[in-house]
């Protein structure tokens, strides 16, 4: 039995020590990320996932937006200093993928397939998970680290204004990526008996 996918899955980890020592061109990375998202499954093939790929000043601008938004929430200077250090770590990465859901498509499918209308919101989130995991794993396959953040909806309005986001796109996650400057720590697993049941 082939197990290459399992080895890739093990390689995909949350890497927080990221840098900019990336040998691939931005065009190569764009091609990789967009190709992977296109191949990720979605319900009814409705392709509700959208993405923006940020490099350079745009990447840094995103994390400045995050820091500014968090500063409005975290009033204590010492606490914010820790928050700022964390954000600076994301900013030190090479780029960021912003994942969105195209909400008008979700609404269209709710109207066109009323029997399944209650499911399309959930299914769009499943499509997000498929796309995010696929991109993360493809980056890991190419020895690039990444981690997934969720500062939405706190930053939604500022991101919409800064990057001319269509009104029907709803921000779901932010994935910063770059060279791996330090490996992930050990990962613990629940006992199989708690997670799986097999009937034969």
Protein backbone atom coordinates (compact mmCIF):
# COMPACT_ATOMS: atom_id res chain seq x y z
CA UNK A 1 0.00 0.00 0.00
CA UNK A 2 1.32 3.47 -0.92
CA UNK A 3 1.97 5.75 2.05
CA UNK A 4 3.51 8.83 0.42
CA UNK A 5 0.51 10.92 1.40
CA UNK A 6 0.88 9.92 5.05
CA UNK A 7 4.52 11.01 5.00
CA UNK A 8 3.49 14.37 3.55
CA UNK A 9 0.75 14.68 6.16
CA UNK A 10 3.33 14.13 8.90
CA UNK A 11 5.53 16.80 7.32
CA UNK A 12 2.73 19.38 7.38
CA UNK A 13 3.04 21.06 10.79
CA UNK A 14 2.38 24.44 12.33
CA UNK A 15 5.71 26.22 11.86
CA UNK A 16 5.98 29.54 13.67
CA UNK A 17 9.68 30.33 13.13
CA UNK A 18 9.47 31.42 9.49
CA UNK A 19 11.85 33.39 7.31
CA UNK A 20 12.38 34.64 3.78
CA UNK A 21 15.07 32.27 2.53
CA UNK A 22 12.82 30.96 -0.21
CA UNK A 23 14.32 29.67 -3.47
CA UNK A 24 11.08 29.64 -5.44
CA UNK A 25 9.96 32.67 -7.41
CA UNK A 26 6.75 34.42 -6.47
CA UNK A 27 5.24 33.27 -9.77
CA UNK A 28 6.11 29.65 -8.96
CA UNK A 29 4.48 29.96 -5.55
CA UNK A 30 1.38 31.59 -7.03
CA UNK A 31 1.12 28.76 -9.55
CA UNK A 32 1.49 26.15 -6.81
CA UNK A 33 -1.07 27.71 -4.48
CA UNK A 34 -3.67 28.47 -7.13
CA UNK A 35 -3.30 25.05 -8.73
CA UNK A 36 -3.76 23.28 -5.41
CA UNK A 37 -6.86 25.32 -4.53
CA UNK A 38 -8.35 24.56 -7.94
CA UNK A 39 -7.93 20.83 -7.31
CA UNK A 40 -9.38 20.90 -3.78
CA UNK A 41 -12.87 19.38 -3.67
CA UNK A 42 -16.00 21.42 -2.98
CA UNK A 43 -19.68 20.37 -2.74
CA UNK A 44 -21.45 20.27 -6.10
CA UNK A 45 -18.11 21.53 -7.44
CA UNK A 46 -19.38 24.99 -6.48
CA UNK A 47 -15.81 26.29 -5.92
CA UNK A 48 -16.68 28.72 -3.13
CA UNK A 49 -13.09 29.18 -1.92
CA UNK A 50 -11.27 32.34 -2.98
CA UNK A 51 -7.72 33.41 -2.12
CA UNK A 52 -5.41 36.39 -2.15
CA UNK A 53 -1.67 35.75 -2.12
CA UNK A 54 0.38 38.51 -0.55
CA UNK A 55 4.10 39.13 -0.93
CA UNK A 56 6.47 41.97 -0.01
CA UNK A 57 4.82 45.18 1.17
CA UNK A 58 1.35 43.69 0.84
CA UNK A 59 2.27 40.81 3.13
CA UNK A 60 3.73 43.20 5.70
CA UNK A 61 0.72 45.50 5.40
CA UNK A 62 -1.59 42.64 6.32
CA UNK A 63 0.24 41.96 9.56
CA UNK A 64 0.38 45.69 10.36
CA UNK A 65 -3.41 45.67 10.01
CA UNK A 66 -3.60 42.73 12.42
CA UNK A 67 -1.34 44.47 14.94
CA UNK A 68 -3.36 47.72 14.74
CA UNK A 69 -6.64 45.86 15.23
CA UNK A 70 -5.30 43.92 18.21
CA UNK A 71 -3.94 47.10 19.77
CA UNK A 72 -7.51 48.37 19.97
CA UNK A 73 -8.46 45.26 21.93
CA UNK A 74 -5.35 44.66 24.05
CA UNK A 75 -4.99 47.81 26.16
CA UNK A 76 -2.30 46.60 28.56
CA UNK A 77 1.15 47.56 27.25
CA UNK A 78 2.94 44.48 28.57
CA UNK A 79 0.32 42.14 27.17
CA UNK A 80 0.39 43.91 23.83
CA UNK A 81 4.19 43.66 23.69
CA UNK A 82 3.79 39.86 23.68
CA UNK A 83 1.07 40.11 21.05
CA UNK A 84 3.24 42.37 18.91
CA UNK A 85 6.13 39.92 19.12
CA UNK A 86 3.84 37.14 17.91
CA UNK A 87 2.59 39.26 15.01
CA UNK A 88 6.18 40.19 14.12
CA UNK A 89 6.86 36.48 13.76
CA UNK A 90 4.10 36.18 11.17
CA UNK A 91 5.35 39.33 9.47
CA UNK A 92 8.86 37.83 9.22
CA UNK A 93 7.50 35.14 6.90
CA UNK A 94 7.82 35.32 3.11
CA UNK A 95 4.14 35.65 2.24
CA UNK A 96 0.55 35.14 3.31
CA UNK A 97 -2.45 33.45 1.75
CA UNK A 98 -5.80 34.97 2.67
CA UNK A 99 -8.64 32.46 2.33
CA UNK A 100 -12.15 33.70 1.60
CA UNK A 101 -15.57 32.18 0.98
CA UNK A 102 -17.56 33.56 -1.94
CA UNK A 103 -20.86 34.09 -0.11
CA UNK A 104 -22.98 34.91 -3.16
CA UNK A 105 -22.17 31.49 -4.59
CA UNK A 106 -23.29 29.90 -1.33
CA UNK A 107 -26.58 31.85 -1.49
CA UNK A 108 -27.10 30.90 -5.13
CA UNK A 109 -26.74 27.22 -4.33
CA UNK A 110 -29.10 27.56 -1.37
CA UNK A 111 -31.71 28.98 -3.73
CA UNK A 112 -31.06 26.59 -6.60
CA UNK A 113 -30.96 23.45 -4.45
CA UNK A 114 -33.54 24.12 -1.69
CA UNK A 115 -33.52 20.50 -0.52
CA UNK A 116 -29.91 21.02 0.63
CA UNK A 117 -30.14 24.72 1.48
CA UNK A 118 -29.38 24.25 5.17
CA UNK A 119 -26.09 22.53 4.33
CA UNK A 120 -24.31 24.89 1.97
CA UNK A 121 -22.84 27.13 4.70
CA UNK A 122 -21.37 24.09 6.45
CA UNK A 123 -20.21 22.65 3.17
CA UNK A 124 -18.44 25.89 2.26
CA UNK A 125 -16.49 25.59 5.52
CA UNK A 126 -15.58 22.02 4.62
CA UNK A 127 -14.37 23.28 1.23
CA UNK A 128 -12.25 25.84 3.09
CA UNK A 129 -10.69 23.10 5.17
CA UNK A 130 -9.94 21.08 2.05
CA UNK A 131 -8.26 24.04 0.34
CA UNK A 132 -6.31 25.16 3.39
CA UNK A 133 -5.02 21.68 4.15
CA UNK A 134 -4.09 21.11 0.52
CA UNK A 135 -2.12 24.37 0.28
CA UNK A 136 -0.43 23.74 3.63
CA UNK A 137 0.59 20.23 2.57
CA UNK A 138 1.83 21.39 -0.85
CA UNK A 139 4.01 24.02 0.85
CA UNK A 140 5.37 21.37 3.23
CA UNK A 141 6.13 19.09 0.28
CA UNK A 142 8.37 21.89 -1.01
CA UNK A 143 10.08 22.32 2.38
CA UNK A 144 8.24 25.53 3.20
CA UNK A 145 6.68 26.10 6.60
CA UNK A 146 3.31 27.63 7.34
CA UNK A 147 0.79 28.24 10.09
CA UNK A 148 -2.89 29.13 10.00
CA UNK A 149 -4.35 32.12 11.83
CA UNK A 150 -7.89 33.41 12.31
CA UNK A 151 -7.93 37.14 13.01
CA UNK A 152 -11.17 37.46 11.11
CA UNK A 153 -13.66 39.07 11.66
CA UNK A 154 -11.60 41.56 13.69
CA UNK A 155 -9.60 42.62 10.61
CA UNK A 156 -12.24 42.13 7.92
CA UNK A 157 -13.12 45.77 7.24
CA UNK A 158 -9.51 46.95 7.17
CA UNK A 159 -8.47 44.07 4.90
CA UNK A 160 -11.41 44.78 2.60
CA UNK A 161 -10.34 48.40 2.28
CA UNK A 162 -6.61 47.73 1.95
CA UNK A 163 -6.85 45.03 -0.70
CA UNK A 164 -10.06 45.93 -2.53
CA UNK A 165 -11.79 42.73 -1.45
CA UNK A 166 -15.10 42.06 -3.25
CA UNK A 167 -18.07 42.57 -0.97
CA UNK A 168 -19.22 38.95 -1.38
CA UNK A 169 -15.89 37.52 -0.19
CA UNK A 170 -15.85 36.59 3.50
CA UNK A 171 -12.43 36.23 5.13
CA UNK A 172 -11.98 32.84 6.79
CA UNK A 173 -8.25 32.45 7.57
CA UNK A 174 -4.74 33.80 7.12
CA UNK A 175 -1.84 31.46 6.33
CA UNK A 176 1.67 32.90 6.55
CA UNK A 177 4.44 30.86 4.96
CA UNK A 178 8.18 30.93 4.38
CA UNK A 179 11.45 29.20 5.05
CA UNK A 180 11.58 26.97 8.12
CA UNK A 181 13.87 28.64 10.65
CA UNK A 182 13.10 26.19 13.47
CA UNK A 183 11.14 22.92 13.40
CA UNK A 184 7.79 22.29 15.02
CA UNK A 185 7.74 20.69 18.43
CA UNK A 186 6.56 17.20 19.24
CA UNK A 187 2.95 16.38 18.47
CA UNK A 188 0.73 14.37 20.80
CA UNK A 189 -2.03 12.09 19.55
CA UNK A 190 -5.15 10.83 21.26
CA UNK A 191 -5.32 7.09 21.63
CA UNK A 192 -6.85 5.45 18.58
CA UNK A 193 -9.54 3.87 20.74
CA UNK A 194 -10.89 7.34 21.53
CA UNK A 195 -11.12 8.43 17.90
CA UNK A 196 -11.86 5.46 15.71
CA UNK A 197 -14.32 2.62 15.53
CA UNK A 198 -14.13 -0.13 12.95
CA UNK A 199 -16.98 -2.49 12.09
CA UNK A 200 -16.29 -5.59 9.97
